[in-house]
């Protein structure tokens, strides 16, 4: 059994084909071009899927995208990256390709991919935290994705940790994302680092010309005080936001994914200090922490969840 996984990004759309064990068989990507409109995108995506269907005989499609989803109806209700109005995804794609299609918020797909591939379903209750440009969350409850009443469960990045605080990309202020997302980390780094061009030249890997989390991580590895402070402050804010989530959901494991999770060795310590100071200690003493090794957990999760749902039909 093979399945197609799709991750729709604001710039690129990634498509993979995997077998039933999650082994990669094929991978490609194309430009999303959201400004060209939803119909143009669906047409191009369907053409790609039909080509892959002839070659790999997949049984299903799974799609993840940032934004607010209705998984039951297959509708993308809102996406900050795509800026389309509420649009159907599953129905049109199934009609054009003949394949059943599952859609989820990209953080939910990352949660499922990590649950399957990283944790091997070891823990029944998992909170997955996606640390990237923004912050997403996915919940596995009793071995199944938890959607909540409207399909919006897991939007942990918009938990308010500083009322009236820093502006968030969602339009509100004080969200955890506004302090721990990629753009927030870079904003704070630019306040602390006096000579950014020299800093980037010294610490950025080959091919990188901008200040980014990888550059900051490399600097922190080298003992740069400014970079260490950025990650320390981010870890404290992350701890404050996640403390509420751990008390609310009491997970067996918190799993970090996304590009920013590569700095876990620098922000995990300050985060755990916040947890150690909590008055209700038991949930924090019992929870396990892990960092996903696969940076593409979302697109793998999409493929695997699509096949999972196809098996149940």
C-alpha atoms as a PDB file:
ATOM      1  CA  UNK A   1       0.000   0.000   0.000  1.00  0.00           C
ATOM      2  CA  UNK A   2       1.348   3.416  -1.035  1.00  0.00           C
ATOM      3  CA  UNK A   3       0.104   6.880  -0.170  1.00  0.00           C
ATOM      4  CA  UNK A   4       0.678  10.465  -1.272  1.00  0.00           C
ATOM      5  CA  UNK A   5       1.543  13.160   1.259  1.00  0.00           C
ATOM      6  CA  UNK A   6       1.263  16.856   0.434  1.00  0.00           C
ATOM      7  CA  UNK A   7       2.419  19.876   2.414  1.00  0.00           C
ATOM      8  CA  UNK A   8       1.057  23.179   1.078  1.00  0.00           C
ATOM      9  CA  UNK A   9       3.349  26.062   1.960  1.00  0.00           C
ATOM     10  CA  UNK A  10       3.013  29.719   1.107  1.00  0.00           C
ATOM     11  CA  UNK A  11       5.979  29.465  -1.286  1.00  0.00           C
ATOM     12  CA  UNK A  12       6.334  25.795  -2.232  1.00  0.00           C
ATOM     13  CA  UNK A  13       4.166  22.687  -2.137  1.00  0.00           C
ATOM     14  CA  UNK A  14       5.971  19.458  -1.310  1.00  0.00           C
ATOM     15  CA  UNK A  15       4.683  16.083  -2.483  1.00  0.00           C
ATOM     16  CA  UNK A  16       5.944  12.644  -1.458  1.00  0.00           C
ATOM     17  CA  UNK A  17       4.962   9.044  -2.041  1.00  0.00           C
ATOM     18  CA  UNK A  18       5.596   6.571   0.778  1.00  0.00           C
ATOM     19  CA  UNK A  19       4.825   2.926   1.377  1.00  0.00           C
ATOM     20  CA  UNK A  20       2.819   1.584   4.292  1.00  0.00           C
ATOM     21  CA  UNK A  21       5.855   1.681   6.591  1.00  0.00           C
ATOM     22  CA  UNK A  22       6.617   5.308   5.827  1.00  0.00           C
ATOM     23  CA  UNK A  23       9.575   4.640   3.534  1.00  0.00           C
ATOM     24  CA  UNK A  24      10.096   7.358   0.942  1.00  0.00           C
ATOM     25  CA  UNK A  25       9.512   6.255  -2.649  1.00  0.00           C
ATOM     26  CA  UNK A  26       9.315   9.598  -4.445  1.00  0.00           C
ATOM     27  CA  UNK A  27       9.643  13.294  -3.663  1.00  0.00           C
ATOM     28  CA  UNK A  28       9.078  16.514  -5.604  1.00  0.00           C
ATOM     29  CA  UNK A  29       7.858  20.071  -5.142  1.00  0.00           C
ATOM     30  CA  UNK A  30       6.384  22.915  -7.134  1.00  0.00           C
ATOM     31  CA  UNK A  31       5.646  26.592  -6.600  1.00  0.00           C
ATOM     32  CA  UNK A  32       2.382  27.200  -4.771  1.00  0.00           C
ATOM     33  CA  UNK A  33       1.758  30.634  -6.348  1.00  0.00           C
ATOM     34  CA  UNK A  34      -1.206  31.513  -4.101  1.00  0.00           C
ATOM     35  CA  UNK A  35      -1.655  34.855  -5.879  1.00  0.00           C
ATOM     36  CA  UNK A  36      -2.726  32.922  -9.004  1.00  0.00           C
ATOM     37  CA  UNK A  37      -5.753  31.696  -7.105  1.00  0.00           C
ATOM     38  CA  UNK A  38      -7.193  28.583  -5.573  1.00  0.00           C
ATOM     39  CA  UNK A  39      -8.571  27.059  -8.783  1.00  0.00           C
ATOM     40  CA  UNK A  40      -5.243  27.327 -10.581  1.00  0.00           C
ATOM     41  CA  UNK A  41      -3.510  25.632  -7.647  1.00  0.00           C
ATOM     42  CA  UNK A  42      -5.994  22.751  -7.406  1.00  0.00           C
ATOM     43  CA  UNK A  43      -5.701  22.163 -11.162  1.00  0.00           C
ATOM     44  CA  UNK A  44      -1.902  21.974 -11.022  1.00  0.00           C
ATOM     45  CA  UNK A  45      -1.949  19.811  -7.890  1.00  0.00           C
ATOM     46  CA  UNK A  46      -4.448  17.380  -9.404  1.00  0.00           C
ATOM     47  CA  UNK A  47      -2.330  17.044 -12.559  1.00  0.00           C
ATOM     48  CA  UNK A  48       0.684  16.140 -10.423  1.00  0.00           C
ATOM     49  CA  UNK A  49      -1.292  13.612  -8.363  1.00  0.00           C
ATOM     50  CA  UNK A  50      -2.717  11.927 -11.481  1.00  0.00           C
ATOM     51  CA  UNK A  51       0.796  11.519 -12.871  1.00  0.00           C
ATOM     52  CA  UNK A  52       2.000   9.965  -9.609  1.00  0.00           C
ATOM     53  CA  UNK A  53      -1.087   7.750  -9.460  1.00  0.00           C
ATOM     54  CA  UNK A  54      -0.097   6.108 -12.758  1.00  0.00           C
ATOM     55  CA  UNK A  55       3.429   5.457 -11.535  1.00  0.00           C
ATOM     56  CA  UNK A  56       2.935   4.476  -7.876  1.00  0.00           C
ATOM     57  CA  UNK A  57      -0.719   3.321  -7.537  1.00  0.00           C
ATOM     58  CA  UNK A  58      -1.408   5.165  -4.256  1.00  0.00           C
ATOM     59  CA  UNK A  59      -4.585   4.428  -2.302  1.00  0.00           C
ATOM     60  CA  UNK A  60      -4.994   7.862  -0.735  1.00  0.00           C
ATOM     61  CA  UNK A  61      -3.919  11.486  -0.431  1.00  0.00           C
ATOM     62  CA  UNK A  62      -3.158  13.335   2.781  1.00  0.00           C
ATOM     63  CA  UNK A  63      -2.753  17.118   2.825  1.00  0.00           C
ATOM     64  CA  UNK A  64      -1.417  19.468   5.484  1.00  0.00           C
ATOM     65  CA  UNK A  65      -1.433  23.273   5.361  1.00  0.00           C
ATOM     66  CA  UNK A  66      -1.032  26.047   7.902  1.00  0.00           C
ATOM     67  CA  UNK A  67      -4.365  27.458   8.960  1.00  0.00           C
ATOM     68  CA  UNK A  68      -7.797  26.604  10.245  1.00  0.00           C
ATOM     69  CA  UNK A  69      -9.214  23.381   8.798  1.00  0.00           C
ATOM     70  CA  UNK A  70     -12.502  21.523   8.825  1.00  0.00           C
ATOM     71  CA  UNK A  71     -11.193  17.937   8.484  1.00  0.00           C
ATOM     72  CA  UNK A  72     -14.678  16.426   8.302  1.00  0.00           C
ATOM     73  CA  UNK A  73     -15.817  18.569   5.365  1.00  0.00           C
ATOM     74  CA  UNK A  74     -12.368  18.850   3.783  1.00  0.00           C
ATOM     75  CA  UNK A  75     -12.392  22.656   3.840  1.00  0.00           C
ATOM     76  CA  UNK A  76      -9.517  25.058   4.377  1.00  0.00           C
ATOM     77  CA  UNK A  77     -11.337  27.776   6.287  1.00  0.00           C
ATOM     78  CA  UNK A  78      -8.443  30.204   6.712  1.00  0.00           C
ATOM     79  CA  UNK A  79      -4.746  30.218   5.916  1.00  0.00           C
ATOM     80  CA  UNK A  80      -2.453  33.137   6.780  1.00  0.00           C
ATOM     81  CA  UNK A  81       0.015  31.994   4.098  1.00  0.00           C
ATOM     82  CA  UNK A  82      -2.385  31.431   1.207  1.00  0.00           C
ATOM     83  CA  UNK A  83      -4.910  34.227   1.799  1.00  0.00           C
ATOM     84  CA  UNK A  84      -7.702  32.330   0.081  1.00  0.00           C
ATOM     85  CA  UNK A  85     -11.253  32.594   1.403  1.00  0.00           C
ATOM     86  CA  UNK A  86     -12.827  29.421   2.794  1.00  0.00           C
ATOM     87  CA  UNK A  87     -12.226  26.823   0.066  1.00  0.00           C
ATOM     88  CA  UNK A  88     -12.931  23.087  -0.362  1.00  0.00           C
ATOM     89  CA  UNK A  89      -9.858  20.907  -0.836  1.00  0.00           C
ATOM     90  CA  UNK A  90     -10.773  17.232  -0.359  1.00  0.00           C
ATOM     91  CA  UNK A  91     -13.892  17.148  -2.559  1.00  0.00           C
ATOM     92  CA  UNK A  92     -12.444  18.746  -5.701  1.00  0.00           C
ATOM     93  CA  UNK A  93      -9.197  16.773  -5.441  1.00  0.00           C
ATOM     94  CA  UNK A  94     -11.036  13.468  -5.013  1.00  0.00           C
ATOM     95  CA  UNK A  95     -13.248  14.314  -7.988  1.00  0.00           C
ATOM     96  CA  UNK A  96     -10.254  15.144 -10.184  1.00  0.00           C
ATOM     97  CA  UNK A  97      -8.012  12.229  -9.129  1.00  0.00           C
ATOM     98  CA  UNK A  98     -10.338   9.479  -7.932  1.00  0.00           C
ATOM     99  CA  UNK A  99      -8.425   9.183  -4.651  1.00  0.00           C
ATOM    100  CA  UNK A 100      -9.823   9.740  -1.140  1.00  0.00           C
ATOM    101  CA  UNK A 101      -8.264  12.813   0.439  1.00  0.00           C
ATOM    102  CA  UNK A 102      -7.692  13.668   4.095  1.00  0.00           C
ATOM    103  CA  UNK A 103      -6.786  17.196   5.170  1.00  0.00           C
ATOM    104  CA  UNK A 104      -5.510  18.531   8.473  1.00  0.00           C
ATOM    105  CA  UNK A 105      -3.743  21.550   9.851  1.00  0.00           C
ATOM    106  CA  UNK A 106      -0.019  21.097   9.170  1.00  0.00           C
ATOM    107  CA  UNK A 107       0.719  20.868  12.899  1.00  0.00           C
ATOM    108  CA  UNK A 108      -1.751  17.980  13.206  1.00  0.00           C
ATOM    109  CA  UNK A 109      -0.045  16.224  10.317  1.00  0.00           C
ATOM    110  CA  UNK A 110       3.336  16.774  11.990  1.00  0.00           C
ATOM    111  CA  UNK A 111       1.869  15.383  15.208  1.00  0.00           C
ATOM    112  CA  UNK A 112       0.670  12.244  13.444  1.00  0.00           C
ATOM    113  CA  UNK A 113       3.920  11.793  11.528  1.00  0.00           C
ATOM    114  CA  UNK A 114       5.989  12.142  14.692  1.00  0.00           C
ATOM    115  CA  UNK A 115       3.636   9.847  16.621  1.00  0.00           C
ATOM    116  CA  UNK A 116       3.995   7.163  13.977  1.00  0.00           C
ATOM    117  CA  UNK A 117       7.633   7.514  12.977  1.00  0.00           C
ATOM    118  CA  UNK A 118       9.440   9.056  15.954  1.00  0.00           C
ATOM    119  CA  UNK A 119       7.530   7.692  18.937  1.00  0.00           C
ATOM    120  CA  UNK A 120       6.302   4.447  17.288  1.00  0.00           C
ATOM    121  CA  UNK A 121       2.962   4.972  19.069  1.00  0.00           C
ATOM    122  CA  UNK A 122       4.750   4.424  22.390  1.00  0.00           C
ATOM    123  CA  UNK A 123       2.718   7.063  24.235  1.00  0.00           C
ATOM    124  CA  UNK A 124      -1.081   7.353  23.968  1.00  0.00           C
ATOM    125  CA  UNK A 125      -1.206  11.068  24.813  1.00  0.00           C
ATOM    126  CA  UNK A 126       1.201  13.390  22.999  1.00  0.00           C
ATOM    127  CA  UNK A 127       1.426  17.152  22.572  1.00  0.00           C
ATOM    128  CA  UNK A 128       3.417  18.008  19.452  1.00  0.00           C
ATOM    129  CA  UNK A 129       4.777  21.551  19.274  1.00  0.00           C
ATOM    130  CA  UNK A 130       5.802  22.791  15.831  1.00  0.00           C
ATOM    131  CA  UNK A 131       8.397  25.547  16.128  1.00  0.00           C
ATOM    132  CA  UNK A 132       8.860  27.397  12.857  1.00  0.00           C
ATOM    133  CA  UNK A 133       7.886  30.764  11.417  1.00  0.00           C
ATOM    134  CA  UNK A 134       4.902  30.433  13.717  1.00  0.00           C
ATOM    135  CA  UNK A 135       4.010  27.937  16.428  1.00  0.00           C
ATOM    136  CA  UNK A 136       1.529  25.144  15.897  1.00  0.00           C
ATOM    137  CA  UNK A 137       0.294  22.331  18.057  1.00  0.00           C
ATOM    138  CA  UNK A 138      -1.156  18.891  17.503  1.00  0.00           C
ATOM    139  CA  UNK A 139      -2.777  16.625  20.069  1.00  0.00           C
ATOM    140  CA  UNK A 140      -2.840  12.850  20.146  1.00  0.00           C
ATOM    141  CA  UNK A 141      -5.378  11.742  22.759  1.00  0.00           C
ATOM    142  CA  UNK A 142      -5.762   8.029  23.472  1.00  0.00           C
ATOM    143  CA  UNK A 143      -3.940   7.228  20.238  1.00  0.00           C
ATOM    144  CA  UNK A 144      -6.030   9.424  17.941  1.00  0.00           C
ATOM    145  CA  UNK A 145      -5.823  12.991  16.670  1.00  0.00           C
ATOM    146  CA  UNK A 146      -7.946  15.305  18.771  1.00  0.00           C
ATOM    147  CA  UNK A 147      -9.806  18.007  16.821  1.00  0.00           C
ATOM    148  CA  UNK A 148     -12.090  19.609  19.378  1.00  0.00           C
ATOM    149  CA  UNK A 149     -15.601  20.880  18.688  1.00  0.00           C
ATOM    150  CA  UNK A 150     -14.781  22.843  15.512  1.00  0.00           C
ATOM    151  CA  UNK A 151     -11.573  21.179  14.312  1.00  0.00           C
ATOM    152  CA  UNK A 152      -9.449  23.973  15.780  1.00  0.00           C
ATOM    153  CA  UNK A 153      -7.855  22.187  18.774  1.00  0.00           C
ATOM    154  CA  UNK A 154      -4.124  22.606  19.232  1.00  0.00           C
ATOM    155  CA  UNK A 155      -3.684  26.304  18.351  1.00  0.00           C
ATOM    156  CA  UNK A 156      -1.222  26.634  21.206  1.00  0.00           C
ATOM    157  CA  UNK A 157       0.834  29.337  19.520  1.00  0.00           C
ATOM    158  CA  UNK A 158      -1.949  31.804  20.214  1.00  0.00           C
ATOM    159  CA  UNK A 159      -2.104  31.128  23.922  1.00  0.00           C
ATOM    160  CA  UNK A 160      -1.770  34.618  25.489  1.00  0.00           C
ATOM    161  CA  UNK A 161       1.277  34.783  27.775  1.00  0.00           C
ATOM    162  CA  UNK A 162       1.665  38.585  27.838  1.00  0.00           C
ATOM    163  CA  UNK A 163      -1.684  40.432  27.739  1.00  0.00           C
ATOM    164  CA  UNK A 164      -1.264  43.471  25.496  1.00  0.00           C
ATOM    165  CA  UNK A 165       2.268  42.338  24.660  1.00  0.00           C
ATOM    166  CA  UNK A 166       4.164  41.981  21.386  1.00  0.00           C
ATOM    167  CA  UNK A 167       2.114  41.892  18.150  1.00  0.00           C
ATOM    168  CA  UNK A 168       1.448  38.460  16.676  1.00  0.00           C
ATOM    169  CA  UNK A 169       0.985  37.549  13.009  1.00  0.00           C
ATOM    170  CA  UNK A 170      -2.603  36.565  13.830  1.00  0.00           C
ATOM    171  CA  UNK A 171      -3.418  40.214  14.624  1.00  0.00           C
ATOM    172  CA  UNK A 172      -3.562  39.823  18.399  1.00  0.00           C
ATOM    173  CA  UNK A 173      -0.950  40.760  20.998  1.00  0.00           C
ATOM    174  CA  UNK A 174       0.903  38.744  23.581  1.00  0.00           C
ATOM    175  CA  UNK A 175       0.612  35.309  21.938  1.00  0.00           C
ATOM    176  CA  UNK A 176       3.279  32.709  22.642  1.00  0.00           C
ATOM    177  CA  UNK A 177       4.105  32.798  18.922  1.00  0.00           C
ATOM    178  CA  UNK A 178       4.924  36.506  19.231  1.00  0.00           C
ATOM    179  CA  UNK A 179       7.803  35.537  21.559  1.00  0.00           C
ATOM    180  CA  UNK A 180       8.833  32.064  20.426  1.00  0.00           C
ATOM    181  CA  UNK A 181       8.158  31.948  16.672  1.00  0.00           C
ATOM    182  CA  UNK A 182      10.966  32.403  14.162  1.00  0.00           C
ATOM    183  CA  UNK A 183      10.109  36.043  13.398  1.00  0.00           C
ATOM    184  CA  UNK A 184       9.971  36.881  17.114  1.00  0.00           C
ATOM    185  CA  UNK A 185      13.323  35.228  17.812  1.00  0.00           C
ATOM    186  CA  UNK A 186      14.977  37.203  15.014  1.00  0.00           C
ATOM    187  CA  UNK A 187      13.326  40.428  16.232  1.00  0.00           C
ATOM    188  CA  UNK A 188      14.805  39.949  19.696  1.00  0.00           C
ATOM    189  CA  UNK A 189      18.194  38.903  18.316  1.00  0.00           C
ATOM    190  CA  UNK A 190      18.449  42.135  16.332  1.00  0.00           C
ATOM    191  CA  UNK A 191      17.918  44.093  19.551  1.00  0.00           C
ATOM    192  CA  UNK A 192      20.785  42.301  21.283  1.00  0.00           C
ATOM    193  CA  UNK A 193      23.346  41.756  18.519  1.00  0.00           C
ATOM    194  CA  UNK A 194      25.080  45.030  17.758  1.00  0.00           C
ATOM    195  CA  UNK A 195      26.658  44.212  14.387  1.00  0.00           C
ATOM    196  CA  UNK A 196      24.307  41.824  12.603  1.00  0.00           C
ATOM    197  CA  UNK A 197      26.224  41.623   9.263  1.00  0.00           C
ATOM    198  CA  UNK A 198      29.441  40.680  11.070  1.00  0.00           C
ATOM    199  CA  UNK A 199      27.564  38.192  13.238  1.00  0.00           C
ATOM    200  CA  UNK A 200      26.005  36.512  10.194  1.00  0.00           C
ATOM    201  CA  UNK A 201      29.327  36.398   8.382  1.00  0.00           C
ATOM    202  CA  UNK A 202      30.944  34.662  11.346  1.00  0.00           C
ATOM    203  CA  UNK A 203      28.240  32.179  12.329  1.00  0.00           C
ATOM    204  CA  UNK A 204      25.983  31.513   9.344  1.00  0.00           C
ATOM    205  CA  UNK A 205      26.515  28.265   7.408  1.00  0.00           C
ATOM    206  CA  UNK A 206      27.559  28.412   3.773  1.00  0.00           C
ATOM    207  CA  UNK A 207      24.866  29.854   1.552  1.00  0.00           C
ATOM    208  CA  UNK A 208      23.069  31.703   4.369  1.00  0.00           C
ATOM    209  CA  UNK A 209      23.159  35.488   4.164  1.00  0.00           C
ATOM    210  CA  UNK A 210      20.421  36.394   6.664  1.00  0.00           C
ATOM    211  CA  UNK A 211      20.156  36.170  10.414  1.00  0.00           C
ATOM    212  CA  UNK A 212      18.124  33.042  11.147  1.00  0.00           C
ATOM    213  CA  UNK A 213      17.650  30.490  13.960  1.00  0.00           C
ATOM    214  CA  UNK A 214      20.362  28.203  12.575  1.00  0.00           C
ATOM    215  CA  UNK A 215      22.847  31.059  12.663  1.00  0.00           C
ATOM    216  CA  UNK A 216      21.823  31.851  16.254  1.00  0.00           C
ATOM    217  CA  UNK A 217      22.137  28.197  17.238  1.00  0.00           C
ATOM    218  CA  UNK A 218      25.651  27.969  15.840  1.00  0.00           C
ATOM    219  CA  UNK A 219      26.595  31.143  17.681  1.00  0.00           C
ATOM    220  CA  UNK A 220      25.174  29.792  20.936  1.00  0.00           C
ATOM    221  CA  UNK A 221      27.120  26.563  20.391  1.00  0.00           C
ATOM    222  CA  UNK A 222      30.215  28.760  20.240  1.00  0.00           C
ATOM    223  CA  UNK A 223      29.339  30.511  23.494  1.00  0.00           C
ATOM    224  CA  UNK A 224      28.159  33.852  22.075  1.00  0.00           C
ATOM    225  CA  UNK A 225      26.474  35.595  25.019  1.00  0.00           C
ATOM    226  CA  UNK A 226      23.905  37.457  22.947  1.00  0.00           C
ATOM    227  CA  UNK A 227      22.778  34.307  21.163  1.00  0.00           C
ATOM    228  CA  UNK A 228      22.628  32.389  24.431  1.00  0.00           C
ATOM    229  CA  UNK A 229      20.446  35.123  25.932  1.00  0.00           C
ATOM    230  CA  UNK A 230      18.063  35.009  22.954  1.00  0.00           C
ATOM    231  CA  UNK A 231      17.542  31.269  23.421  1.00  0.00           C
ATOM    232  CA  UNK A 232      17.334  31.586  27.206  1.00  0.00           C
ATOM    233  CA  UNK A 233      14.591  34.199  26.965  1.00  0.00           C
ATOM    234  CA  UNK A 234      12.756  32.219  24.306  1.00  0.00           C
ATOM    235  CA  UNK A 235      12.908  29.094  26.496  1.00  0.00           C
ATOM    236  CA  UNK A 236      11.403  30.928  29.457  1.00  0.00           C
ATOM    237  CA  UNK A 237       8.532  32.262  27.340  1.00  0.00           C
ATOM    238  CA  UNK A 238       7.984  28.835  25.806  1.00  0.00           C
ATOM    239  CA  UNK A 239       7.886  27.303  29.265  1.00  0.00           C
ATOM    240  CA  UNK A 240       5.272  29.793  30.407  1.00  0.00           C
ATOM    241  CA  UNK A 241       3.061  29.047  27.432  1.00  0.00           C
ATOM    242  CA  UNK A 242       3.460  25.271  27.544  1.00  0.00           C
ATOM    243  CA  UNK A 243       2.951  25.072  31.316  1.00  0.00           C
ATOM    244  CA  UNK A 244      -0.715  25.896  30.766  1.00  0.00           C
ATOM    245  CA  UNK A 245      -0.962  23.255  28.050  1.00  0.00           C
ATOM    246  CA  UNK A 246       0.641  20.558  30.212  1.00  0.00           C
ATOM    247  CA  UNK A 247      -1.725  21.329  33.076  1.00  0.00           C
ATOM    248  CA  UNK A 248      -4.694  21.289  30.708  1.00  0.00           C
ATOM    249  CA  UNK A 249      -3.897  18.147  28.682  1.00  0.00           C
ATOM    250  CA  UNK A 250      -1.533  16.218  30.983  1.00  0.00           C
ATOM    251  CA  UNK A 251       0.345  14.533  28.077  1.00  0.00           C
ATOM    252  CA  UNK A 252       2.689  11.577  28.399  1.00  0.00           C
ATOM    253  CA  UNK A 253       5.130  13.292  26.045  1.00  0.00           C
ATOM    254  CA  UNK A 254       5.799  16.718  24.536  1.00  0.00           C
ATOM    255  CA  UNK A 255       7.478  16.392  21.139  1.00  0.00           C
ATOM    256  CA  UNK A 256       9.130  19.350  19.394  1.00  0.00           C
ATOM    257  CA  UNK A 257       9.305  19.564  15.598  1.00  0.00           C
ATOM    258  CA  UNK A 258      10.125  22.288  13.052  1.00  0.00           C
ATOM    259  CA  UNK A 259      13.261  24.212  12.185  1.00  0.00           C
ATOM    260  CA  UNK A 260      13.560  26.097  15.473  1.00  0.00           C
ATOM    261  CA  UNK A 261      13.510  22.823  17.430  1.00  0.00           C
ATOM    262  CA  UNK A 262      17.131  22.362  16.341  1.00  0.00           C
ATOM    263  CA  UNK A 263      18.053  24.805  19.121  1.00  0.00           C
ATOM    264  CA  UNK A 264      16.416  22.651  21.809  1.00  0.00           C
ATOM    265  CA  UNK A 265      19.742  22.148  23.581  1.00  0.00           C
ATOM    266  CA  UNK A 266      19.750  25.888  24.306  1.00  0.00           C
ATOM    267  CA  UNK A 267      16.107  26.614  25.129  1.00  0.00           C
ATOM    268  CA  UNK A 268      15.112  23.344  26.849  1.00  0.00           C
ATOM    269  CA  UNK A 269      16.960  24.134  30.091  1.00  0.00           C
ATOM    270  CA  UNK A 270      15.257  27.509  30.732  1.00  0.00           C
ATOM    271  CA  UNK A 271      11.931  25.966  29.725  1.00  0.00           C
ATOM    272  CA  UNK A 272      12.303  23.150  32.255  1.00  0.00           C
ATOM    273  CA  UNK A 273      13.188  25.634  35.006  1.00  0.00           C
ATOM    274  CA  UNK A 274       9.778  27.228  34.472  1.00  0.00           C
ATOM    275  CA  UNK A 275       8.188  23.793  34.778  1.00  0.00           C
ATOM    276  CA  UNK A 276      10.148  23.026  37.953  1.00  0.00           C
ATOM    277  CA  UNK A 277       8.652  26.119  39.594  1.00  0.00           C
ATOM    278  CA  UNK A 278       5.044  25.021  39.059  1.00  0.00           C
ATOM    279  CA  UNK A 279       3.023  24.405  42.205  1.00  0.00           C
ATOM    280  CA  UNK A 280       1.164  21.381  40.790  1.00  0.00           C
ATOM    281  CA  UNK A 281       4.283  19.325  40.210  1.00  0.00           C
ATOM    282  CA  UNK A 282       3.104  15.851  39.233  1.00  0.00           C
ATOM    283  CA  UNK A 283       2.218  16.479  35.535  1.00  0.00           C
ATOM    284  CA  UNK A 284       5.595  18.158  34.962  1.00  0.00           C
ATOM    285  CA  UNK A 285       7.568  15.446  36.714  1.00  0.00           C
ATOM    286  CA  UNK A 286       5.914  12.704  34.686  1.00  0.00           C
ATOM    287  CA  UNK A 287       5.974  14.215  31.188  1.00  0.00           C
ATOM    288  CA  UNK A 288       8.704  13.173  28.749  1.00  0.00           C
ATOM    289  CA  UNK A 289      10.315  15.499  26.183  1.00  0.00           C
ATOM    290  CA  UNK A 290      11.621  14.634  22.734  1.00  0.00           C
ATOM    291  CA  UNK A 291      12.842  16.410  19.602  1.00  0.00           C
ATOM    292  CA  UNK A 292      11.853  14.976  16.229  1.00  0.00           C
ATOM    293  CA  UNK A 293      14.719  13.869  14.019  1.00  0.00           C
ATOM    294  CA  UNK A 294      12.735  14.094  10.784  1.00  0.00           C
ATOM    295  CA  UNK A 295      12.321  17.730   9.742  1.00  0.00           C
ATOM    296  CA  UNK A 296       9.562  16.685   7.314  1.00  0.00           C
ATOM    297  CA  UNK A 297       7.288  14.996   9.848  1.00  0.00           C
ATOM    298  CA  UNK A 298       4.303  16.962   8.504  1.00  0.00           C
ATOM    299  CA  UNK A 299       4.366  15.676   4.936  1.00  0.00           C
ATOM    300  CA  UNK A 300       5.103  12.105   6.091  1.00  0.00           C
ATOM    301  CA  UNK A 301       2.275  12.400   8.588  1.00  0.00           C
ATOM    302  CA  UNK A 302      -0.042  13.501   5.779  1.00  0.00           C
ATOM    303  CA  UNK A 303       0.782  10.429   3.715  1.00  0.00           C
ATOM    304  CA  UNK A 304       0.481   8.049   6.671  1.00  0.00           C
ATOM    305  CA  UNK A 305      -2.770   9.534   7.956  1.00  0.00           C
ATOM    306  CA  UNK A 306      -4.293   9.377   4.483  1.00  0.00           C
ATOM    307  CA  UNK A 307      -3.501   5.658   4.342  1.00  0.00           C
ATOM    308  CA  UNK A 308      -4.744   5.135   7.913  1.00  0.00           C
ATOM    309  CA  UNK A 309      -8.109   6.650   7.059  1.00  0.00           C
ATOM    310  CA  UNK A 310      -8.288   4.718   3.777  1.00  0.00           C
ATOM    311  CA  UNK A 311      -7.786   1.452   5.684  1.00  0.00           C
ATOM    312  CA  UNK A 312     -10.657   2.294   8.019  1.00  0.00           C
ATOM    313  CA  UNK A 313     -13.136   2.865   5.186  1.00  0.00           C
END
